[in-house]
PDB file of all heavy atoms in Angstrom:
ATOM      1  N   THR A   1       0.832  -1.196   0.000  1.00  0.00           N
ATOM      2  CA  THR A   1       0.000   0.000   0.000  1.00  0.00           C
ATOM      3  C   THR A   1       0.870   1.250   0.000  1.00  0.00           C
ATOM      4  O   THR A   1       1.740   1.415   0.859  1.00  0.00           O
ATOM      5  CB  THR A   1      -0.922   0.012   1.227  1.00  0.00           C
ATOM      6  OG1 THR A   1      -1.833  -1.087   1.133  1.00  0.00           O
ATOM      7  CG2 THR A   1      -1.702   1.315   1.313  1.00  0.00           C
ATOM      8  N   ALA A   2       0.634   2.107  -0.981  1.00  0.00           N
ATOM      9  CA  ALA A   2       1.453   3.311  -1.134  1.00  0.00           C
ATOM     10  C   ALA A   2       0.927   4.134  -2.297  1.00  0.00           C
ATOM     11  O   ALA A   2       0.078   3.670  -3.073  1.00  0.00           O
ATOM     12  CB  ALA A   2       2.910   2.942  -1.398  1.00  0.00           C
ATOM     13  N   VAL A   3       1.448   5.330  -2.424  1.00  0.00           N
ATOM     14  CA  VAL A   3       1.254   6.105  -3.643  1.00  0.00           C
ATOM     15  C   VAL A   3       2.399   5.732  -4.585  1.00  0.00           C
ATOM     16  O   VAL A   3       3.569   5.795  -4.197  1.00  0.00           O
ATOM     17  CB  VAL A   3       1.270   7.616  -3.375  1.00  0.00           C
ATOM     18  CG1 VAL A   3       1.138   8.391  -4.690  1.00  0.00           C
ATOM     19  CG2 VAL A   3       0.140   7.999  -2.421  1.00  0.00           C
ATOM     20  N   TYR A   4       2.041   5.331  -5.774  1.00  0.00           N
ATOM     21  CA  TYR A   4       3.031   4.887  -6.751  1.00  0.00           C
ATOM     22  C   TYR A   4       3.278   6.004  -7.762  1.00  0.00           C
ATOM     23  O   TYR A   4       2.326   6.560  -8.334  1.00  0.00           O
ATOM     24  CB  TYR A   4       2.551   3.625  -7.463  1.00  0.00           C
ATOM     25  CG  TYR A   4       2.702   2.396  -6.602  1.00  0.00           C
ATOM     26  CD1 TYR A   4       1.889   2.196  -5.492  1.00  0.00           C
ATOM     27  CD2 TYR A   4       3.692   1.440  -6.872  1.00  0.00           C
ATOM     28  CE1 TYR A   4       2.045   1.087  -4.676  1.00  0.00           C
ATOM     29  CE2 TYR A   4       3.852   0.322  -6.070  1.00  0.00           C
ATOM     30  CZ  TYR A   4       3.025   0.154  -4.969  1.00  0.00           C
ATOM     31  OH  TYR A   4       3.191  -0.950  -4.161  1.00  0.00           O
ATOM     32  N   TYR A   5       4.552   6.297  -7.986  1.00  0.00           N
ATOM     33  CA  TYR A   5       4.950   7.370  -8.882  1.00  0.00           C
ATOM     34  C   TYR A   5       5.721   6.822 -10.076  1.00  0.00           C
ATOM     35  O   TYR A   5       6.606   5.972  -9.922  1.00  0.00           O
ATOM     36  CB  TYR A   5       5.855   8.375  -8.154  1.00  0.00           C
ATOM     37  CG  TYR A   5       5.209   9.092  -7.016  1.00  0.00           C
ATOM     38  CD1 TYR A   5       5.269   8.587  -5.723  1.00  0.00           C
ATOM     39  CD2 TYR A   5       4.525  10.290  -7.222  1.00  0.00           C
ATOM     40  CE1 TYR A   5       4.670   9.247  -4.664  1.00  0.00           C
ATOM     41  CE2 TYR A   5       3.924  10.966  -6.171  1.00  0.00           C
ATOM     42  CZ  TYR A   5       4.004  10.431  -4.893  1.00  0.00           C
ATOM     43  OH  TYR A   5       3.403  11.098  -3.850  1.00  0.00           O
ATOM     44  N   CYS A   6       5.399   7.336 -11.220  1.00  0.00           N
ATOM     45  CA  CYS A   6       6.157   7.053 -12.430  1.00  0.00           C
ATOM     46  C   CYS A   6       7.226   8.124 -12.582  1.00  0.00           C
ATOM     47  O   CYS A   6       6.994   9.299 -12.251  1.00  0.00           O
ATOM     48  CB  CYS A   6       5.214   7.066 -13.627  1.00  0.00           C
ATOM     49  SG  CYS A   6       6.007   6.886 -15.228  1.00  0.00           S
ATOM     50  N   ALA A   7       8.385   7.731 -13.077  1.00  0.00           N
ATOM     51  CA  ALA A   7       9.476   8.688 -13.247  1.00  0.00           C
ATOM     52  C   ALA A   7      10.222   8.413 -14.547  1.00  0.00           C
ATOM     53  O   ALA A   7      10.306   7.264 -14.987  1.00  0.00           O
ATOM     54  CB  ALA A   7      10.429   8.616 -12.067  1.00  0.00           C
ATOM     55  N   ALA A   8      10.758   9.472 -15.123  1.00  0.00           N
ATOM     56  CA  ALA A   8      11.515   9.346 -16.364  1.00  0.00           C
ATOM     57  C   ALA A   8      12.873  10.020 -16.216  1.00  0.00           C
ATOM     58  O   ALA A   8      12.974  11.099 -15.626  1.00  0.00           O
ATOM     59  CB  ALA A   8      10.749   9.976 -17.527  1.00  0.00           C
ATOM     60  N   GLY A   9      13.882   9.371 -16.744  1.00  0.00           N
ATOM     61  CA  GLY A   9      15.223   9.924 -16.652  1.00  0.00           C
ATOM     62  C   GLY A   9      15.531  10.860 -17.800  1.00  0.00           C
ATOM     63  O   GLY A   9      14.764  10.978 -18.754  1.00  0.00           O
ATOM     64  N   SER A  10      16.667  11.512 -17.706  1.00  0.00           N
ATOM     65  CA  SER A  10      17.091  12.439 -18.756  1.00  0.00           C
ATOM     66  C   SER A  10      18.461  12.071 -19.295  1.00  0.00           C
ATOM     67  O   SER A  10      19.092  12.861 -19.994  1.00  0.00           O
ATOM     68  CB  SER A  10      17.114  13.867 -18.224  1.00  0.00           C
ATOM     69  OG  SER A  10      17.989  13.960 -17.111  1.00  0.00           O
ATOM     70  N   ARG A  11      18.926  10.882 -18.982  1.00  0.00           N
ATOM     71  CA  ARG A  11      20.244  10.438 -19.414  1.00  0.00           C
ATOM     72  C   ARG A  11      20.112   9.143 -20.193  1.00  0.00           C
ATOM     73  O   ARG A  11      19.316   8.285 -19.845  1.00  0.00           O
ATOM     74  CB  ARG A  11      21.139  10.229 -18.195  1.00  0.00           C
ATOM     75  CG  ARG A  11      22.508   9.664 -18.532  1.00  0.00           C
ATOM     76  CD  ARG A  11      23.305   9.379 -17.279  1.00  0.00           C
ATOM     77  NE  ARG A  11      24.515   8.626 -17.576  1.00  0.00           N
ATOM     78  CZ  ARG A  11      25.364   8.192 -16.654  1.00  0.00           C
ATOM     79  NH1 ARG A  11      25.146   8.470 -15.380  1.00  0.00           N
ATOM     80  NH2 ARG A  11      26.428   7.506 -17.008  1.00  0.00           N
ATOM     81  N   ILE A  12      20.911   9.029 -21.241  1.00  0.00           N
ATOM     82  CA  ILE A  12      20.924   7.814 -22.047  1.00  0.00           C
ATOM     83  C   ILE A  12      21.952   6.848 -21.474  1.00  0.00           C
ATOM     84  O   ILE A  12      23.083   7.222 -21.188  1.00  0.00           O
ATOM     85  CB  ILE A  12      21.256   8.129 -23.514  1.00  0.00           C
ATOM     86  CG1 ILE A  12      20.190   9.044 -24.113  1.00  0.00           C
ATOM     87  CG2 ILE A  12      21.375   6.836 -24.324  1.00  0.00           C
ATOM     88  CD1 ILE A  12      20.498   9.503 -25.511  1.00  0.00           C
ATOM     89  N   TYR A  13      21.558   5.598 -21.304  1.00  0.00           N
ATOM     90  CA  TYR A  13      22.452   4.562 -20.817  1.00  0.00           C
ATOM     91  C   TYR A  13      22.727   3.585 -21.952  1.00  0.00           C
ATOM     92  O   TYR A  13      21.800   2.963 -22.467  1.00  0.00           O
ATOM     93  CB  TYR A  13      21.837   3.828 -19.622  1.00  0.00           C
ATOM     94  CG  TYR A  13      21.620   4.718 -18.420  1.00  0.00           C
ATOM     95  CD1 TYR A  13      20.419   5.387 -18.235  1.00  0.00           C
ATOM     96  CD2 TYR A  13      22.632   4.902 -17.487  1.00  0.00           C
ATOM     97  CE1 TYR A  13      20.224   6.212 -17.139  1.00  0.00           C
ATOM     98  CE2 TYR A  13      22.445   5.712 -16.381  1.00  0.00           C
ATOM     99  CZ  TYR A  13      21.242   6.374 -16.222  1.00  0.00           C
ATOM    100  OH  TYR A  13      21.061   7.181 -15.128  1.00  0.00           O
ATOM    101  N   PHE A  14      23.973   3.446 -22.329  1.00  0.00           N
ATOM    102  CA  PHE A  14      24.340   2.536 -23.402  1.00  0.00           C
ATOM    103  C   PHE A  14      24.676   1.142 -22.895  1.00  0.00           C
ATOM    104  O   PHE A  14      24.835   0.206 -23.672  1.00  0.00           O
ATOM    105  CB  PHE A  14      25.513   3.105 -24.200  1.00  0.00           C
ATOM    106  CG  PHE A  14      25.163   4.381 -24.919  1.00  0.00           C
ATOM    107  CD1 PHE A  14      25.593   5.609 -24.423  1.00  0.00           C
ATOM    108  CD2 PHE A  14      24.381   4.364 -26.055  1.00  0.00           C
ATOM    109  CE1 PHE A  14      25.258   6.786 -25.068  1.00  0.00           C
ATOM    110  CE2 PHE A  14      24.044   5.539 -26.713  1.00  0.00           C
ATOM    111  CZ  PHE A  14      24.479   6.752 -26.217  1.00  0.00           C
ATOM    112  N   SER A  15      24.754   1.012 -21.582  1.00  0.00           N
ATOM    113  CA  SER A  15      24.943  -0.301 -20.998  1.00  0.00           C
ATOM    114  C   SER A  15      23.577  -0.834 -20.604  1.00  0.00           C
ATOM    115  O   SER A  15      22.550  -0.237 -20.934  1.00  0.00           O
ATOM    116  CB  SER A  15      25.842  -0.185 -19.764  1.00  0.00           C
ATOM    117  OG  SER A  15      25.175   0.558 -18.757  1.00  0.00           O
ATOM    118  N   SER A  16      23.562  -1.938 -19.896  1.00  0.00           N
ATOM    119  CA  SER A  16      22.288  -2.508 -19.457  1.00  0.00           C
ATOM    120  C   SER A  16      21.853  -1.954 -18.101  1.00  0.00           C
ATOM    121  O   SER A  16      20.879  -2.425 -17.531  1.00  0.00           O
ATOM    122  CB  SER A  16      22.404  -4.029 -19.378  1.00  0.00           C
ATOM    123  OG  SER A  16      23.395  -4.391 -18.427  1.00  0.00           O
ATOM    124  N   TYR A  17      22.551  -0.948 -17.629  1.00  0.00           N
ATOM    125  CA  TYR A  17      22.236  -0.389 -16.320  1.00  0.00           C
ATOM    126  C   TYR A  17      20.826   0.188 -16.305  1.00  0.00           C
ATOM    127  O   TYR A  17      20.387   0.865 -17.241  1.00  0.00           O
ATOM    128  CB  TYR A  17      23.236   0.715 -15.957  1.00  0.00           C
ATOM    129  CG  TYR A  17      22.931   1.399 -14.649  1.00  0.00           C
ATOM    130  CD1 TYR A  17      23.183   0.762 -13.435  1.00  0.00           C
ATOM    131  CD2 TYR A  17      22.371   2.673 -14.618  1.00  0.00           C
ATOM    132  CE1 TYR A  17      22.896   1.377 -12.233  1.00  0.00           C
ATOM    133  CE2 TYR A  17      22.072   3.305 -13.423  1.00  0.00           C
ATOM    134  CZ  TYR A  17      22.338   2.646 -12.235  1.00  0.00           C
ATOM    135  OH  TYR A  17      22.043   3.260 -11.046  1.00  0.00           O
ATOM    136  N   VAL A  18      20.132  -0.046 -15.209  1.00  0.00           N
ATOM    137  CA  VAL A  18      18.794   0.501 -15.001  1.00  0.00           C
ATOM    138  C   VAL A  18      18.861   1.511 -13.854  1.00  0.00           C
ATOM    139  O   VAL A  18      19.226   1.141 -12.734  1.00  0.00           O
ATOM    140  CB  VAL A  18      17.789  -0.607 -14.650  1.00  0.00           C
ATOM    141  CG1 VAL A  18      16.420  -0.011 -14.373  1.00  0.00           C
ATOM    142  CG2 VAL A  18      17.708  -1.634 -15.775  1.00  0.00           C
ATOM    143  N   PRO A  19      18.531   2.743 -14.107  1.00  0.00           N
ATOM    144  CA  PRO A  19      18.570   3.744 -13.031  1.00  0.00           C
ATOM    145  C   PRO A  19      17.608   3.363 -11.911  1.00  0.00           C
ATOM    146  O   PRO A  19      16.488   2.905 -12.161  1.00  0.00           O
ATOM    147  CB  PRO A  19      18.148   5.037 -13.745  1.00  0.00           C
ATOM    148  CG  PRO A  19      17.460   4.615 -14.982  1.00  0.00           C
ATOM    149  CD  PRO A  19      18.075   3.310 -15.377  1.00  0.00           C
ATOM    150  N   ARG A  20      18.070   3.581 -10.661  1.00  0.00           N
ATOM    151  CA  ARG A  20      17.268   3.126  -9.520  1.00  0.00           C
ATOM    152  C   ARG A  20      17.319   4.087  -8.334  1.00  0.00           C
ATOM    153  O   ARG A  20      16.792   3.752  -7.264  1.00  0.00           O
ATOM    154  CB  ARG A  20      17.771   1.760  -9.071  1.00  0.00           C
ATOM    155  CG  ARG A  20      19.233   1.770  -8.606  1.00  0.00           C
ATOM    156  CD  ARG A  20      19.848   0.393  -8.693  1.00  0.00           C
ATOM    157  NE  ARG A  20      19.988  -0.050 -10.074  1.00  0.00           N
ATOM    158  CZ  ARG A  20      20.536  -1.188 -10.435  1.00  0.00           C
ATOM    159  NH1 ARG A  20      20.989  -2.005  -9.505  1.00  0.00           N
ATOM    160  NH2 ARG A  20      20.647  -1.527 -11.711  1.00  0.00           N
ATOM    161  N   TYR A  21      17.873   5.259  -8.552  1.00  0.00           N
ATOM    162  CA  TYR A  21      17.935   6.262  -7.500  1.00  0.00           C
ATOM    163  C   TYR A  21      17.170   7.502  -7.942  1.00  0.00           C
ATOM    164  O   TYR A  21      17.123   7.847  -9.115  1.00  0.00           O
ATOM    165  CB  TYR A  21      19.388   6.618  -7.192  1.00  0.00           C
ATOM    166  CG  TYR A  21      20.206   5.421  -6.768  1.00  0.00           C
ATOM    167  CD1 TYR A  21      21.079   4.805  -7.661  1.00  0.00           C
ATOM    168  CD2 TYR A  21      20.080   4.891  -5.501  1.00  0.00           C
ATOM    169  CE1 TYR A  21      21.818   3.696  -7.287  1.00  0.00           C
ATOM    170  CE2 TYR A  21      20.815   3.783  -5.112  1.00  0.00           C
ATOM    171  CZ  TYR A  21      21.677   3.184  -6.010  1.00  0.00           C
ATOM    172  OH  TYR A  21      22.397   2.083  -5.637  1.00  0.00           O
ATOM    173  N   GLU A  22      16.568   8.177  -6.982  1.00  0.00           N
ATOM    174  CA  GLU A  22      15.721   9.316  -7.316  1.00  0.00           C
ATOM    175  C   GLU A  22      16.471  10.371  -8.118  1.00  0.00           C
ATOM    176  O   GLU A  22      15.905  10.958  -9.040  1.00  0.00           O
ATOM    177  CB  GLU A  22      15.144   9.943  -6.040  1.00  0.00           C
ATOM    178  CG  GLU A  22      14.058   9.117  -5.379  1.00  0.00           C
ATOM    179  CD  GLU A  22      13.297   9.893  -4.327  1.00  0.00           C
ATOM    180  OE1 GLU A  22      12.989  11.084  -4.569  1.00  0.00           O
ATOM    181  OE2 GLU A  22      13.007   9.329  -3.271  1.00  0.00           O
ATOM    182  N   TYR A  23      17.750  10.594  -7.786  1.00  0.00           N
ATOM    183  CA  TYR A  23      18.490  11.655  -8.473  1.00  0.00           C
ATOM    184  C   TYR A  23      18.750  11.332  -9.942  1.00  0.00           C
ATOM    185  O   TYR A  23      19.126  12.203 -10.725  1.00  0.00           O
ATOM    186  CB  TYR A  23      19.816  11.940  -7.760  1.00  0.00           C
ATOM    187  CG  TYR A  23      20.849  10.843  -7.853  1.00  0.00           C
ATOM    188  CD1 TYR A  23      21.686  10.735  -8.960  1.00  0.00           C
ATOM    189  CD2 TYR A  23      21.003   9.908  -6.832  1.00  0.00           C
ATOM    190  CE1 TYR A  23      22.642   9.726  -9.045  1.00  0.00           C
ATOM    191  CE2 TYR A  23      21.954   8.907  -6.903  1.00  0.00           C
ATOM    192  CZ  TYR A  23      22.764   8.807  -8.010  1.00  0.00           C
ATOM    193  OH  TYR A  23      23.692   7.810  -8.095  1.00  0.00           O
ATOM    194  N   GLU A  24      18.514  10.091 -10.317  1.00  0.00           N
ATOM    195  CA  GLU A  24      18.704   9.690 -11.713  1.00  0.00           C
ATOM    196  C   GLU A  24      17.468   9.959 -12.571  1.00  0.00           C
ATOM    197  O   GLU A  24      17.486   9.733 -13.772  1.00  0.00           O
ATOM    198  CB  GLU A  24      19.071   8.208 -11.789  1.00  0.00           C
ATOM    199  CG  GLU A  24      20.406   7.882 -11.119  1.00  0.00           C
ATOM    200  CD  GLU A  24      20.740   6.418 -11.158  1.00  0.00           C
ATOM    201  OE1 GLU A  24      19.908   5.609 -10.690  1.00  0.00           O
ATOM    202  OE2 GLU A  24      21.841   6.072 -11.643  1.00  0.00           O
ATOM    203  N   TYR A  25      16.416  10.437 -11.938  1.00  0.00           N
ATOM    204  CA  TYR A  25      15.176  10.705 -12.646  1.00  0.00           C
ATOM    205  C   TYR A  25      14.860  12.196 -12.601  1.00  0.00           C
ATOM    206  O   TYR A  25      14.953  12.828 -11.559  1.00  0.00           O
ATOM    207  CB  TYR A  25      14.028   9.897 -12.035  1.00  0.00           C
ATOM    208  CG  TYR A  25      14.149   8.422 -12.312  1.00  0.00           C
ATOM    209  CD1 TYR A  25      14.867   7.582 -11.456  1.00  0.00           C
ATOM    210  CD2 TYR A  25      13.567   7.858 -13.448  1.00  0.00           C
ATOM    211  CE1 TYR A  25      14.991   6.231 -11.728  1.00  0.00           C
ATOM    212  CE2 TYR A  25      13.688   6.507 -13.717  1.00  0.00           C
ATOM    213  CZ  TYR A  25      14.399   5.702 -12.855  1.00  0.00           C
ATOM    214  OH  TYR A  25      14.532   4.356 -13.131  1.00  0.00           O
ATOM    215  N   ALA A  26      14.477  12.725 -13.756  1.00  0.00           N
ATOM    216  CA  ALA A  26      14.261  14.166 -13.872  1.00  0.00           C
ATOM    217  C   ALA A  26      12.788  14.559 -13.882  1.00  0.00           C
ATOM    218  O   ALA A  26      12.460  15.703 -13.586  1.00  0.00           O
ATOM    219  CB  ALA A  26      14.934  14.684 -15.138  1.00  0.00           C
ATOM    220  N   TYR A  27      11.945  13.619 -14.255  1.00  0.00           N
ATOM    221  CA  TYR A  27      10.521  13.941 -14.414  1.00  0.00           C
ATOM    222  C   TYR A  27       9.698  12.954 -13.597  1.00  0.00           C
ATOM    223  O   TYR A  27       9.997  11.756 -13.557  1.00  0.00           O
ATOM    224  CB  TYR A  27      10.125  13.871 -15.889  1.00  0.00           C
ATOM    225  CG  TYR A  27      11.008  14.694 -16.783  1.00  0.00           C
ATOM    226  CD1 TYR A  27      12.027  14.106 -17.525  1.00  0.00           C
ATOM    227  CD2 TYR A  27      10.839  16.077 -16.887  1.00  0.00           C
ATOM    228  CE1 TYR A  27      12.859  14.855 -18.336  1.00  0.00           C
ATOM    229  CE2 TYR A  27      11.663  16.832 -17.702  1.00  0.00           C
ATOM    230  CZ  TYR A  27      12.666  16.226 -18.417  1.00  0.00           C
ATOM    231  OH  TYR A  27      13.480  16.979 -19.218  1.00  0.00           O
ATOM    232  N   TRP A  28       8.630  13.486 -13.005  1.00  0.00           N
ATOM    233  CA  TRP A  28       7.806  12.676 -12.114  1.00  0.00           C
ATOM    234  C   TRP A  28       6.326  12.899 -12.407  1.00  0.00           C
ATOM    235  O   TRP A  28       5.902  13.999 -12.745  1.00  0.00           O
ATOM    236  CB  TRP A  28       8.080  13.058 -10.655  1.00  0.00           C
ATOM    237  CG  TRP A  28       9.463  12.715 -10.232  1.00  0.00           C
ATOM    238  CD1 TRP A  28      10.595  13.462 -10.439  1.00  0.00           C
ATOM    239  CD2 TRP A  28       9.891  11.526  -9.556  1.00  0.00           C
ATOM    240  NE1 TRP A  28      11.691  12.805  -9.932  1.00  0.00           N
ATOM    241  CE2 TRP A  28      11.290  11.624  -9.378  1.00  0.00           C
ATOM    242  CE3 TRP A  28       9.225  10.407  -9.070  1.00  0.00           C
ATOM    243  CZ2 TRP A  28      12.029  10.620  -8.741  1.00  0.00           C
ATOM    244  CZ3 TRP A  28       9.961   9.422  -8.438  1.00  0.00           C
ATOM    245  CH2 TRP A  28      11.346   9.536  -8.277  1.00  0.00           C
ATOM    246  N   GLY A  29       5.556  11.816 -12.252  1.00  0.00           N
ATOM    247  CA  GLY A  29       4.117  11.932 -12.354  1.00  0.00           C
ATOM    248  C   GLY A  29       3.527  12.361 -11.022  1.00  0.00           C
ATOM    249  O   GLY A  29       4.242  12.550 -10.036  1.00  0.00           O
ATOM    250  N   GLN A  30       2.207  12.511 -11.012  1.00  0.00           N
ATOM    251  CA  GLN A  30       1.515  12.971  -9.804  1.00  0.00           C
ATOM    252  C   GLN A  30       1.265  11.839  -8.809  1.00  0.00           C
ATOM    253  O   GLN A  30       0.995  12.095  -7.637  1.00  0.00           O
ATOM    254  CB  GLN A  30       0.176  13.601 -10.199  1.00  0.00           C
ATOM    255  CG  GLN A  30       0.339  14.907 -10.961  1.00  0.00           C
ATOM    256  CD  GLN A  30       1.060  15.966 -10.163  1.00  0.00           C
ATOM    257  OE1 GLN A  30       0.714  16.260  -9.025  1.00  0.00           O
ATOM    258  NE2 GLN A  30       2.113  16.545 -10.741  1.00  0.00           N
ATOM    259  N   GLY A  31       1.355  10.625  -9.254  1.00  0.00           N
ATOM    260  CA  GLY A  31       1.158   9.489  -8.364  1.00  0.00           C
ATOM    261  C   GLY A  31      -0.241   8.903  -8.449  1.00  0.00           C
ATOM    262  O   GLY A  31      -1.202   9.604  -8.776  1.00  0.00           O
ATOM    263  N   THR A  32      -0.335   7.625  -8.145  1.00  0.00           N
ATOM    264  CA  THR A  32      -1.620   6.943  -8.104  1.00  0.00           C
ATOM    265  C   THR A  32      -1.636   6.059  -6.856  1.00  0.00           C
ATOM    266  O   THR A  32      -0.663   5.385  -6.539  1.00  0.00           O
ATOM    267  CB  THR A  32      -1.870   6.131  -9.390  1.00  0.00           C
ATOM    268  OG1 THR A  32      -3.177   5.555  -9.350  1.00  0.00           O
ATOM    269  CG2 THR A  32      -0.854   5.003  -9.579  1.00  0.00           C
ATOM    270  N   GLN A  33      -2.751   6.077  -6.157  1.00  0.00           N
ATOM    271  CA  GLN A  33      -2.855   5.360  -4.878  1.00  0.00           C
ATOM    272  C   GLN A  33      -3.152   3.886  -5.123  1.00  0.00           C
ATOM    273  O   GLN A  33      -4.059   3.539  -5.882  1.00  0.00           O
ATOM    274  CB  GLN A  33      -3.961   5.969  -4.026  1.00  0.00           C
ATOM    275  CG  GLN A  33      -4.214   5.232  -2.714  1.00  0.00           C
ATOM    276  CD  GLN A  33      -3.079   5.411  -1.718  1.00  0.00           C
ATOM    277  OE1 GLN A  33      -2.589   6.527  -1.512  1.00  0.00           O
ATOM    278  NE2 GLN A  33      -2.659   4.324  -1.087  1.00  0.00           N
TER     279      GLN A  33
END
């Protein structure tokens, strides 16, 4: 149970790395409960 937020990054990753820290995301949705 939580508010779930979608986020989008602003950096291109050429490796298989998946961003997983808040500072790696530049854009955020309003959230859905």
